[in-house]
């Protein structure tokens, strides 16, 4: 009952650096529903929705998390960062709350657009919700067995999920600020992170494999040399992942094993 076009997929590109091509703009033409992450993360998509599909309904994950269910401001902002507007983490799909809220909102919008297909959309929503059971179960298992354990991360990607799991973020503050602004950390901030790892000051390092550069690689090497487990995460579904749920379960399983929960 719906034709879906995904503009950005695959894990070979850092989505923060994505620049839409004319063909991407054309994908918005005639759209009745546009689903956005929101904030500065995919600001390009909000602009294309405004200019190319001005009458389309919009579901914005960050607006849902912020309690703005009536729509969102598509106005442009200068610059962008990993933290999004107001210091909000823009990686909404790593928030278990957002995953549920977006599914609910998309189902509601599709039902408004095609009322005759409402039962079908409702059934698909139920199927999706039931399919999330392993994801929810793993979150509960890790929270029960590892709450209070600590982590550091090469960037803020996983922070909302880590918070839901009850993990403590010990990433040096200066490094976090630099990563959020897509700038290199100062030598002092990098040294603080390296010492944290070499002293085994955290239980696990969360490593975004889609962020290139010598700094993340240096941090990974330091963690491995000190015996700190490294858990790989990606911003977009990993190659070969059958679904969002399978992708997330694979990463959560690796984290559970690294934290000794399994």
C-alpha atoms as a PDB file:
ATOM      1  CA  UNK A   1       0.000   0.000   0.000  1.00  0.00           C
ATOM      2  CA  UNK A   2       3.012   2.323  -0.067  1.00  0.00           C
ATOM      3  CA  UNK A   3       6.009   2.812  -2.321  1.00  0.00           C
ATOM      4  CA  UNK A   4       9.079   3.633  -0.245  1.00  0.00           C
ATOM      5  CA  UNK A   5      12.237   5.337  -1.492  1.00  0.00           C
ATOM      6  CA  UNK A   6      15.227   5.408   0.848  1.00  0.00           C
ATOM      7  CA  UNK A   7      17.512   8.280  -0.099  1.00  0.00           C
ATOM      8  CA  UNK A   8      20.537   7.411   2.034  1.00  0.00           C
ATOM      9  CA  UNK A   9      21.449   3.798   2.730  1.00  0.00           C
ATOM     10  CA  UNK A  10      24.532   1.648   3.119  1.00  0.00           C
ATOM     11  CA  UNK A  11      27.398   2.052   5.575  1.00  0.00           C
ATOM     12  CA  UNK A  12      30.171   3.167   3.217  1.00  0.00           C
ATOM     13  CA  UNK A  13      29.547   6.908   3.732  1.00  0.00           C
ATOM     14  CA  UNK A  14      29.457   9.073   6.851  1.00  0.00           C
ATOM     15  CA  UNK A  15      25.897  10.511   6.716  1.00  0.00           C
ATOM     16  CA  UNK A  16      27.168  13.758   8.243  1.00  0.00           C
ATOM     17  CA  UNK A  17      29.112  14.352   5.026  1.00  0.00           C
ATOM     18  CA  UNK A  18      26.303  13.380   2.652  1.00  0.00           C
ATOM     19  CA  UNK A  19      25.531  15.808  -0.174  1.00  0.00           C
ATOM     20  CA  UNK A  20      22.319  15.089  -2.106  1.00  0.00           C
ATOM     21  CA  UNK A  21      22.525  14.759  -5.883  1.00  0.00           C
ATOM     22  CA  UNK A  22      19.855  15.998  -8.318  1.00  0.00           C
ATOM     23  CA  UNK A  23      18.539  12.434  -8.466  1.00  0.00           C
ATOM     24  CA  UNK A  24      18.018  12.530  -4.701  1.00  0.00           C
ATOM     25  CA  UNK A  25      15.980  15.715  -5.040  1.00  0.00           C
ATOM     26  CA  UNK A  26      13.900  14.060  -7.742  1.00  0.00           C
ATOM     27  CA  UNK A  27      13.049  11.253  -5.309  1.00  0.00           C
ATOM     28  CA  UNK A  28      11.006  13.727  -3.268  1.00  0.00           C
ATOM     29  CA  UNK A  29       8.778  14.697  -6.179  1.00  0.00           C
ATOM     30  CA  UNK A  30       5.227  13.528  -5.628  1.00  0.00           C
ATOM     31  CA  UNK A  31       5.931  12.235  -2.130  1.00  0.00           C
ATOM     32  CA  UNK A  32       2.906  12.184   0.155  1.00  0.00           C
ATOM     33  CA  UNK A  33       4.896  11.381   3.288  1.00  0.00           C
ATOM     34  CA  UNK A  34       8.465  12.331   4.191  1.00  0.00           C
ATOM     35  CA  UNK A  35      10.162  10.690   7.182  1.00  0.00           C
ATOM     36  CA  UNK A  36      13.096  12.628   8.614  1.00  0.00           C
ATOM     37  CA  UNK A  37      15.520  12.141  11.441  1.00  0.00           C
ATOM     38  CA  UNK A  38      15.382  15.876  12.089  1.00  0.00           C
ATOM     39  CA  UNK A  39      17.700  18.533  13.463  1.00  0.00           C
ATOM     40  CA  UNK A  40      20.926  19.302  11.639  1.00  0.00           C
ATOM     41  CA  UNK A  41      21.503  15.624  10.874  1.00  0.00           C
ATOM     42  CA  UNK A  42      19.482  15.536   7.652  1.00  0.00           C
ATOM     43  CA  UNK A  43      18.711  19.208   7.217  1.00  0.00           C
ATOM     44  CA  UNK A  44      19.225  18.733   3.482  1.00  0.00           C
ATOM     45  CA  UNK A  45      16.199  16.407   3.445  1.00  0.00           C
ATOM     46  CA  UNK A  46      14.018  18.928   5.263  1.00  0.00           C
ATOM     47  CA  UNK A  47      14.950  21.553   2.664  1.00  0.00           C
ATOM     48  CA  UNK A  48      14.217  19.195  -0.229  1.00  0.00           C
ATOM     49  CA  UNK A  49      10.871  18.297   1.336  1.00  0.00           C
ATOM     50  CA  UNK A  50       9.981  21.985   1.588  1.00  0.00           C
ATOM     51  CA  UNK A  51      10.949  22.812  -1.963  1.00  0.00           C
ATOM     52  CA  UNK A  52      10.034  19.628  -3.821  1.00  0.00           C
ATOM     53  CA  UNK A  53       7.176  18.090  -1.788  1.00  0.00           C
ATOM     54  CA  UNK A  54       5.641  21.074   0.043  1.00  0.00           C
ATOM     55  CA  UNK A  55       2.280  19.352   0.528  1.00  0.00           C
ATOM     56  CA  UNK A  56       3.689  16.120   1.953  1.00  0.00           C
ATOM     57  CA  UNK A  57       3.022  15.097   5.527  1.00  0.00           C
ATOM     58  CA  UNK A  58       6.215  15.038   7.581  1.00  0.00           C
ATOM     59  CA  UNK A  59       7.282  12.758  10.427  1.00  0.00           C
ATOM     60  CA  UNK A  60      10.328  14.123  12.249  1.00  0.00           C
ATOM     61  CA  UNK A  61      11.866  11.815  14.851  1.00  0.00           C
ATOM     62  CA  UNK A  62      13.569  14.520  16.904  1.00  0.00           C
ATOM     63  CA  UNK A  63      10.383  16.577  17.016  1.00  0.00           C
ATOM     64  CA  UNK A  64       8.558  13.535  18.367  1.00  0.00           C
ATOM     65  CA  UNK A  65      11.181  13.108  21.064  1.00  0.00           C
ATOM     66  CA  UNK A  66      10.877  16.793  21.872  1.00  0.00           C
ATOM     67  CA  UNK A  67       7.121  16.512  22.240  1.00  0.00           C
ATOM     68  CA  UNK A  68       6.352  18.536  19.099  1.00  0.00           C
ATOM     69  CA  UNK A  69       3.771  16.303  17.446  1.00  0.00           C
ATOM     70  CA  UNK A  70       2.255  19.107  15.407  1.00  0.00           C
ATOM     71  CA  UNK A  71       5.051  19.388  12.891  1.00  0.00           C
ATOM     72  CA  UNK A  72       8.468  20.972  12.947  1.00  0.00           C
ATOM     73  CA  UNK A  73      10.419  23.993  11.842  1.00  0.00           C
ATOM     74  CA  UNK A  74      12.144  23.447   8.519  1.00  0.00           C
ATOM     75  CA  UNK A  75      14.012  26.752   8.702  1.00  0.00           C
ATOM     76  CA  UNK A  76      17.689  26.488   7.810  1.00  0.00           C
ATOM     77  CA  UNK A  77      20.488  26.786  10.342  1.00  0.00           C
ATOM     78  CA  UNK A  78      24.082  27.716   9.731  1.00  0.00           C
ATOM     79  CA  UNK A  79      26.548  24.897  10.247  1.00  0.00           C
ATOM     80  CA  UNK A  80      25.750  21.502  11.699  1.00  0.00           C
ATOM     81  CA  UNK A  81      27.011  19.325  14.458  1.00  0.00           C
ATOM     82  CA  UNK A  82      26.584  15.860  15.882  1.00  0.00           C
ATOM     83  CA  UNK A  83      24.664  17.124  18.890  1.00  0.00           C
ATOM     84  CA  UNK A  84      21.882  18.774  16.929  1.00  0.00           C
ATOM     85  CA  UNK A  85      19.787  21.658  18.167  1.00  0.00           C
ATOM     86  CA  UNK A  86      19.882  22.557  21.827  1.00  0.00           C
ATOM     87  CA  UNK A  87      22.474  19.904  22.591  1.00  0.00           C
ATOM     88  CA  UNK A  88      20.067  17.106  21.639  1.00  0.00           C
ATOM     89  CA  UNK A  89      21.713  13.957  20.311  1.00  0.00           C
ATOM     90  CA  UNK A  90      20.580  13.771  16.671  1.00  0.00           C
ATOM     91  CA  UNK A  91      20.980  10.002  16.255  1.00  0.00           C
ATOM     92  CA  UNK A  92      17.311   9.356  16.989  1.00  0.00           C
ATOM     93  CA  UNK A  93      17.228   5.737  15.813  1.00  0.00           C
ATOM     94  CA  UNK A  94      19.467   4.805  18.744  1.00  0.00           C
ATOM     95  CA  UNK A  95      16.709   5.903  21.116  1.00  0.00           C
ATOM     96  CA  UNK A  96      14.327   3.021  21.890  1.00  0.00           C
ATOM     97  CA  UNK A  97      11.621   5.611  22.573  1.00  0.00           C
ATOM     98  CA  UNK A  98      12.067   7.202  19.149  1.00  0.00           C
ATOM     99  CA  UNK A  99      11.900   3.819  17.423  1.00  0.00           C
ATOM    100  CA  UNK A 100       8.447   3.237  18.886  1.00  0.00           C
ATOM    101  CA  UNK A 101       7.248   6.815  18.454  1.00  0.00           C
ATOM    102  CA  UNK A 102       8.260   7.012  14.795  1.00  0.00           C
ATOM    103  CA  UNK A 103       6.557   3.708  14.004  1.00  0.00           C
ATOM    104  CA  UNK A 104       3.384   4.986  15.663  1.00  0.00           C
ATOM    105  CA  UNK A 105       3.546   8.316  13.821  1.00  0.00           C
ATOM    106  CA  UNK A 106       4.238   6.774  10.407  1.00  0.00           C
ATOM    107  CA  UNK A 107       1.342   4.356  10.855  1.00  0.00           C
ATOM    108  CA  UNK A 108      -0.980   7.212  11.815  1.00  0.00           C
ATOM    109  CA  UNK A 109       0.077   9.374   8.849  1.00  0.00           C
ATOM    110  CA  UNK A 110      -0.255   6.518   6.356  1.00  0.00           C
ATOM    111  CA  UNK A 111      -3.720   5.765   7.699  1.00  0.00           C
ATOM    112  CA  UNK A 112      -4.697   9.418   7.239  1.00  0.00           C
ATOM    113  CA  UNK A 113      -3.422   9.335   3.655  1.00  0.00           C
ATOM    114  CA  UNK A 114      -5.108   6.034   2.777  1.00  0.00           C
ATOM    115  CA  UNK A 115      -7.956   5.342   5.249  1.00  0.00           C
ATOM    116  CA  UNK A 116      -9.119   2.291   3.308  1.00  0.00           C
ATOM    117  CA  UNK A 117      -5.756   0.641   4.019  1.00  0.00           C
ATOM    118  CA  UNK A 118      -5.914   1.406   7.734  1.00  0.00           C
ATOM    119  CA  UNK A 119      -6.351  -2.216   8.774  1.00  0.00           C
ATOM    120  CA  UNK A 120      -3.368  -3.229   6.666  1.00  0.00           C
ATOM    121  CA  UNK A 121      -1.173  -0.509   8.140  1.00  0.00           C
ATOM    122  CA  UNK A 122      -2.302  -1.477  11.634  1.00  0.00           C
ATOM    123  CA  UNK A 123      -1.394  -5.108  10.981  1.00  0.00           C
ATOM    124  CA  UNK A 124       2.022  -4.121   9.688  1.00  0.00           C
ATOM    125  CA  UNK A 125       2.557  -1.976  12.777  1.00  0.00           C
ATOM    126  CA  UNK A 126       1.684  -4.933  14.986  1.00  0.00           C
ATOM    127  CA  UNK A 127       4.072  -7.151  13.038  1.00  0.00           C
ATOM    128  CA  UNK A 128       6.865  -4.594  13.409  1.00  0.00           C
ATOM    129  CA  UNK A 129       6.205  -4.200  17.132  1.00  0.00           C
ATOM    130  CA  UNK A 130       6.243  -7.957  17.686  1.00  0.00           C
ATOM    131  CA  UNK A 131       9.444  -8.198  15.636  1.00  0.00           C
ATOM    132  CA  UNK A 132      11.105  -5.821  18.093  1.00  0.00           C
ATOM    133  CA  UNK A 133      10.752  -8.331  20.936  1.00  0.00           C
ATOM    134  CA  UNK A 134      14.386  -9.587  20.703  1.00  0.00           C
ATOM    135  CA  UNK A 135      15.567  -5.947  20.614  1.00  0.00           C
ATOM    136  CA  UNK A 136      13.540  -5.024  23.696  1.00  0.00           C
ATOM    137  CA  UNK A 137      14.550  -8.207  25.502  1.00  0.00           C
ATOM    138  CA  UNK A 138      18.258  -7.522  24.927  1.00  0.00           C
ATOM    139  CA  UNK A 139      17.909  -3.965  26.178  1.00  0.00           C
ATOM    140  CA  UNK A 140      16.250  -5.260  29.346  1.00  0.00           C
ATOM    141  CA  UNK A 141      18.875  -7.983  29.760  1.00  0.00           C
ATOM    142  CA  UNK A 142      21.805  -5.598  29.440  1.00  0.00           C
ATOM    143  CA  UNK A 143      20.186  -3.053  31.726  1.00  0.00           C
ATOM    144  CA  UNK A 144      19.617  -5.712  34.383  1.00  0.00           C
ATOM    145  CA  UNK A 145      23.123  -7.170  34.121  1.00  0.00           C
ATOM    146  CA  UNK A 146      25.339  -4.197  33.319  1.00  0.00           C
ATOM    147  CA  UNK A 147      23.687  -1.041  34.671  1.00  0.00           C
ATOM    148  CA  UNK A 148      26.357   1.187  36.166  1.00  0.00           C
ATOM    149  CA  UNK A 149      29.120  -0.165  33.972  1.00  0.00           C
ATOM    150  CA  UNK A 150      30.968   2.472  31.977  1.00  0.00           C
ATOM    151  CA  UNK A 151      31.781   3.212  28.376  1.00  0.00           C
ATOM    152  CA  UNK A 152      33.619   5.719  26.239  1.00  0.00           C
ATOM    153  CA  UNK A 153      32.751   6.443  22.620  1.00  0.00           C
ATOM    154  CA  UNK A 154      34.488   7.826  19.573  1.00  0.00           C
ATOM    155  CA  UNK A 155      31.385   9.974  19.007  1.00  0.00           C
ATOM    156  CA  UNK A 156      27.885  10.475  20.409  1.00  0.00           C
ATOM    157  CA  UNK A 157      26.150   8.018  18.070  1.00  0.00           C
ATOM    158  CA  UNK A 158      25.260   5.392  20.701  1.00  0.00           C
ATOM    159  CA  UNK A 159      24.671   7.684  23.683  1.00  0.00           C
ATOM    160  CA  UNK A 160      20.855   7.480  23.792  1.00  0.00           C
ATOM    161  CA  UNK A 161      20.944   3.691  23.706  1.00  0.00           C
ATOM    162  CA  UNK A 162      23.705   3.614  26.319  1.00  0.00           C
ATOM    163  CA  UNK A 163      21.557   5.812  28.544  1.00  0.00           C
ATOM    164  CA  UNK A 164      18.606   3.457  28.108  1.00  0.00           C
ATOM    165  CA  UNK A 165      20.898   0.588  29.145  1.00  0.00           C
ATOM    166  CA  UNK A 166      21.990   2.385  32.314  1.00  0.00           C
ATOM    167  CA  UNK A 167      25.625   2.712  31.236  1.00  0.00           C
ATOM    168  CA  UNK A 168      27.817   5.553  32.478  1.00  0.00           C
ATOM    169  CA  UNK A 169      29.520   7.749  29.865  1.00  0.00           C
ATOM    170  CA  UNK A 170      33.149   8.437  30.786  1.00  0.00           C
ATOM    171  CA  UNK A 171      34.241   9.904  27.467  1.00  0.00           C
ATOM    172  CA  UNK A 172      36.377  12.962  28.304  1.00  0.00           C
ATOM    173  CA  UNK A 173      34.223  16.076  28.049  1.00  0.00           C
ATOM    174  CA  UNK A 174      36.668  18.012  25.882  1.00  0.00           C
ATOM    175  CA  UNK A 175      36.798  15.165  23.384  1.00  0.00           C
ATOM    176  CA  UNK A 176      32.995  14.961  23.283  1.00  0.00           C
ATOM    177  CA  UNK A 177      32.704  18.656  22.491  1.00  0.00           C
ATOM    178  CA  UNK A 178      35.269  18.404  19.699  1.00  0.00           C
ATOM    179  CA  UNK A 179      33.604  15.341  18.174  1.00  0.00           C
ATOM    180  CA  UNK A 180      30.200  17.021  18.341  1.00  0.00           C
ATOM    181  CA  UNK A 181      31.593  19.983  16.404  1.00  0.00           C
ATOM    182  CA  UNK A 182      33.322  17.695  13.890  1.00  0.00           C
ATOM    183  CA  UNK A 183      36.722  19.101  14.845  1.00  0.00           C
ATOM    184  CA  UNK A 184      39.904  17.400  15.989  1.00  0.00           C
ATOM    185  CA  UNK A 185      40.327  17.125  19.755  1.00  0.00           C
ATOM    186  CA  UNK A 186      43.106  19.113  21.392  1.00  0.00           C
ATOM    187  CA  UNK A 187      46.262  17.161  22.245  1.00  0.00           C
ATOM    188  CA  UNK A 188      45.273  17.356  25.934  1.00  0.00           C
ATOM    189  CA  UNK A 189      41.784  15.960  25.281  1.00  0.00           C
ATOM    190  CA  UNK A 190      43.133  13.160  23.129  1.00  0.00           C
ATOM    191  CA  UNK A 191      45.746  12.351  25.754  1.00  0.00           C
ATOM    192  CA  UNK A 192      43.039  12.207  28.440  1.00  0.00           C
ATOM    193  CA  UNK A 193      41.081   9.729  26.327  1.00  0.00           C
ATOM    194  CA  UNK A 194      44.140   7.596  25.625  1.00  0.00           C
ATOM    195  CA  UNK A 195      45.044   7.531  29.350  1.00  0.00           C
ATOM    196  CA  UNK A 196      41.464   6.561  30.218  1.00  0.00           C
ATOM    197  CA  UNK A 197      41.771   3.563  27.914  1.00  0.00           C
ATOM    198  CA  UNK A 198      45.296   2.581  28.905  1.00  0.00           C
ATOM    199  CA  UNK A 199      44.257   2.680  32.576  1.00  0.00           C
ATOM    200  CA  UNK A 200      41.207   0.515  31.772  1.00  0.00           C
ATOM    201  CA  UNK A 201      38.998   3.284  33.127  1.00  0.00           C
ATOM    202  CA  UNK A 202      35.999   2.065  31.141  1.00  0.00           C
ATOM    203  CA  UNK A 203      34.396  -1.315  30.569  1.00  0.00           C
ATOM    204  CA  UNK A 204      33.975  -0.908  26.815  1.00  0.00           C
ATOM    205  CA  UNK A 205      34.813   1.413  23.898  1.00  0.00           C
ATOM    206  CA  UNK A 206      31.960   2.127  21.468  1.00  0.00           C
ATOM    207  CA  UNK A 207      33.484   2.621  18.029  1.00  0.00           C
ATOM    208  CA  UNK A 208      31.686   4.103  15.016  1.00  0.00           C
ATOM    209  CA  UNK A 209      33.206   2.327  12.016  1.00  0.00           C
ATOM    210  CA  UNK A 210      31.851   4.953   9.604  1.00  0.00           C
ATOM    211  CA  UNK A 211      33.996   7.737  11.059  1.00  0.00           C
ATOM    212  CA  UNK A 212      37.329   7.846   9.293  1.00  0.00           C
ATOM    213  CA  UNK A 213      40.550   9.366  10.525  1.00  0.00           C
ATOM    214  CA  UNK A 214      43.662   8.730  12.544  1.00  0.00           C
ATOM    215  CA  UNK A 215      42.153   9.789  15.890  1.00  0.00           C
ATOM    216  CA  UNK A 216      39.473   7.056  16.111  1.00  0.00           C
ATOM    217  CA  UNK A 217      42.011   4.500  14.898  1.00  0.00           C
ATOM    218  CA  UNK A 218      44.444   5.631  17.600  1.00  0.00           C
ATOM    219  CA  UNK A 219      41.762   5.238  20.248  1.00  0.00           C
ATOM    220  CA  UNK A 220      40.850   1.779  19.022  1.00  0.00           C
ATOM    221  CA  UNK A 221      44.469   0.684  19.081  1.00  0.00           C
ATOM    222  CA  UNK A 222      44.854   1.990  22.643  1.00  0.00           C
ATOM    223  CA  UNK A 223      41.741   0.131  23.788  1.00  0.00           C
ATOM    224  CA  UNK A 224      42.868  -3.115  22.191  1.00  0.00           C
ATOM    225  CA  UNK A 225      46.361  -2.790  23.659  1.00  0.00           C
ATOM    226  CA  UNK A 226      44.891  -2.291  27.138  1.00  0.00           C
ATOM    227  CA  UNK A 227      42.403  -5.140  26.782  1.00  0.00           C
ATOM    228  CA  UNK A 228      39.325  -2.886  26.759  1.00  0.00           C
ATOM    229  CA  UNK A 229      36.633  -4.548  24.608  1.00  0.00           C
ATOM    230  CA  UNK A 230      35.702  -2.625  21.467  1.00  0.00           C
ATOM    231  CA  UNK A 231      32.138  -2.785  20.153  1.00  0.00           C
ATOM    232  CA  UNK A 232      31.607  -1.657  16.572  1.00  0.00           C
ATOM    233  CA  UNK A 233      28.491   0.332  15.702  1.00  0.00           C
ATOM    234  CA  UNK A 234      27.380   1.997  12.471  1.00  0.00           C
ATOM    235  CA  UNK A 235      25.176   4.965  11.653  1.00  0.00           C
ATOM    236  CA  UNK A 236      23.345   3.148   8.872  1.00  0.00           C
ATOM    237  CA  UNK A 237      22.434  -0.552   8.713  1.00  0.00           C
ATOM    238  CA  UNK A 238      25.455  -2.777   8.335  1.00  0.00           C
ATOM    239  CA  UNK A 239      25.945  -4.591   5.010  1.00  0.00           C
ATOM    240  CA  UNK A 240      23.917  -7.782   4.957  1.00  0.00           C
ATOM    241  CA  UNK A 241      21.571  -6.741   7.763  1.00  0.00           C
ATOM    242  CA  UNK A 242      18.121  -8.130   7.019  1.00  0.00           C
ATOM    243  CA  UNK A 243      16.270  -5.410   8.900  1.00  0.00           C
ATOM    244  CA  UNK A 244      16.615  -2.579  11.389  1.00  0.00           C
ATOM    245  CA  UNK A 245      15.786  -5.018  14.162  1.00  0.00           C
ATOM    246  CA  UNK A 246      18.429  -7.554  13.096  1.00  0.00           C
ATOM    247  CA  UNK A 247      21.070  -4.831  12.787  1.00  0.00           C
ATOM    248  CA  UNK A 248      20.371  -3.488  16.259  1.00  0.00           C
ATOM    249  CA  UNK A 249      20.187  -6.956  17.825  1.00  0.00           C
ATOM    250  CA  UNK A 250      23.588  -7.879  16.363  1.00  0.00           C
ATOM    251  CA  UNK A 251      25.172  -4.771  17.900  1.00  0.00           C
ATOM    252  CA  UNK A 252      23.432  -5.217  21.251  1.00  0.00           C
ATOM    253  CA  UNK A 253      24.510  -8.866  21.351  1.00  0.00           C
ATOM    254  CA  UNK A 254      28.131  -7.831  20.799  1.00  0.00           C
ATOM    255  CA  UNK A 255      27.783  -5.264  23.582  1.00  0.00           C
ATOM    256  CA  UNK A 256      26.237  -7.802  25.953  1.00  0.00           C
ATOM    257  CA  UNK A 257      29.165 -10.152  25.347  1.00  0.00           C
ATOM    258  CA  UNK A 258      31.707  -7.354  25.823  1.00  0.00           C
ATOM    259  CA  UNK A 259      30.115  -6.379  29.139  1.00  0.00           C
ATOM    260  CA  UNK A 260      30.003  -9.999  30.346  1.00  0.00           C
ATOM    261  CA  UNK A 261      26.204 -10.139  30.411  1.00  0.00           C
ATOM    262  CA  UNK A 262      26.281 -13.131  28.074  1.00  0.00           C
END
